[in-house]
Protein backbone atom coordinates (compact mmCIF):
# COMPACT_ATOMS: atom_id res chain seq x y z
CA UNK A 1 88.37 96.37 118.58
CA UNK A 2 88.22 92.84 119.43
CA UNK A 3 91.79 91.84 118.62
CA UNK A 4 94.99 93.19 116.77
CA UNK A 5 97.06 90.70 114.80
CA UNK A 6 100.82 91.39 113.30
CA UNK A 7 100.80 89.80 109.48
CA UNK A 8 104.11 88.17 108.02
CA UNK A 9 104.23 86.54 105.42
CA UNK A 10 101.67 83.51 106.09
CA UNK A 11 101.87 84.08 109.78
CA UNK A 12 99.70 85.91 112.19
CA UNK A 13 100.29 86.74 115.56
CA UNK A 14 98.30 88.58 118.59
CA UNK A 15 99.90 91.62 119.67
CA UNK A 16 99.18 94.07 122.04
CA UNK A 17 100.97 97.41 120.40
CA UNK A 18 101.55 98.27 116.80
CA UNK A 19 104.72 100.43 115.62
CA UNK A 20 104.85 102.42 112.89
CA UNK A 21 105.81 100.59 109.61
CA UNK A 22 103.86 97.20 110.83
CA UNK A 23 101.29 95.54 109.08
CA UNK A 24 98.37 94.67 111.12
CA UNK A 25 95.34 93.58 111.04
CA UNK A 26 92.08 94.99 112.96
CA UNK A 27 89.54 92.75 114.08
CA UNK A 28 85.76 94.52 115.34
CA UNK A 29 86.03 97.81 113.72
CA UNK A 30 84.64 99.13 110.81
CA UNK A 31 87.18 101.15 108.47
CA UNK A 32 88.36 101.24 105.06
CA UNK A 33 91.72 99.77 103.99
CA UNK A 34 94.10 102.83 103.96
CA UNK A 35 92.58 104.20 107.29
CA UNK A 36 95.82 105.09 109.71
CA UNK A 37 95.00 105.40 113.28
CA UNK A 38 96.93 107.68 115.18
CA UNK A 39 96.82 108.01 119.13
CA UNK A 40 96.84 111.29 120.66
CA UNK A 41 98.73 110.61 124.45
CA UNK A 42 97.67 113.94 125.84
CA UNK A 43 93.63 113.01 125.05
CA UNK A 44 94.05 109.65 124.90
CA UNK A 45 92.02 109.45 121.16
CA UNK A 46 91.97 107.65 118.28
CA UNK A 47 91.80 109.52 115.11
CA UNK A 48 91.36 108.48 111.48
CA UNK A 49 93.23 109.99 108.97
CA UNK A 50 93.65 109.11 105.34
CA UNK A 51 96.55 108.04 103.96
CA UNK A 52 98.34 109.95 101.15
CA UNK A 53 100.07 107.95 98.72
CA UNK A 54 101.93 110.11 95.42
CA UNK A 55 101.59 108.88 91.98
CA UNK A 56 104.11 106.27 90.89
CA UNK A 57 107.17 108.25 89.10
CA UNK A 58 108.38 105.41 86.90
CA UNK A 59 106.85 102.12 85.29
CA UNK A 60 108.15 99.31 83.40
CA UNK A 61 106.26 97.03 80.75
CA UNK A 62 107.76 93.71 80.15
CA UNK A 63 106.95 92.11 77.10
CA UNK A 64 108.16 88.11 76.55
CA UNK A 65 109.37 87.02 73.04
CA UNK A 66 107.94 83.70 72.85
CA UNK A 67 105.50 81.15 74.63
CA UNK A 68 108.52 79.71 76.32
CA UNK A 69 109.13 83.37 77.97
CA UNK A 70 105.72 84.07 78.95
CA UNK A 71 105.76 80.54 81.01
CA UNK A 72 109.26 82.24 82.66
CA UNK A 73 107.90 85.52 83.41
CA UNK A 74 104.88 83.94 84.83
CA UNK A 75 107.18 81.84 87.36
CA UNK A 76 109.33 84.88 88.00
CA UNK A 77 106.49 86.88 88.63
């Protein structure tokens, strides 16, 4: 890895360490989106594990009543 950056909104910050729950990007490594990096302290290795993303348990569909409502919904989303 040549560079690790922490992402927040439209800001990018160079960092040396990432914690669980942080949103970040890696430069100089070939990996797919959704890859998890885990460092094993004893062996000093980094392994790649896939993420488990459960199926959604709820979904919502919105249908605007008229053209004006469509524009307002688009702005809100």
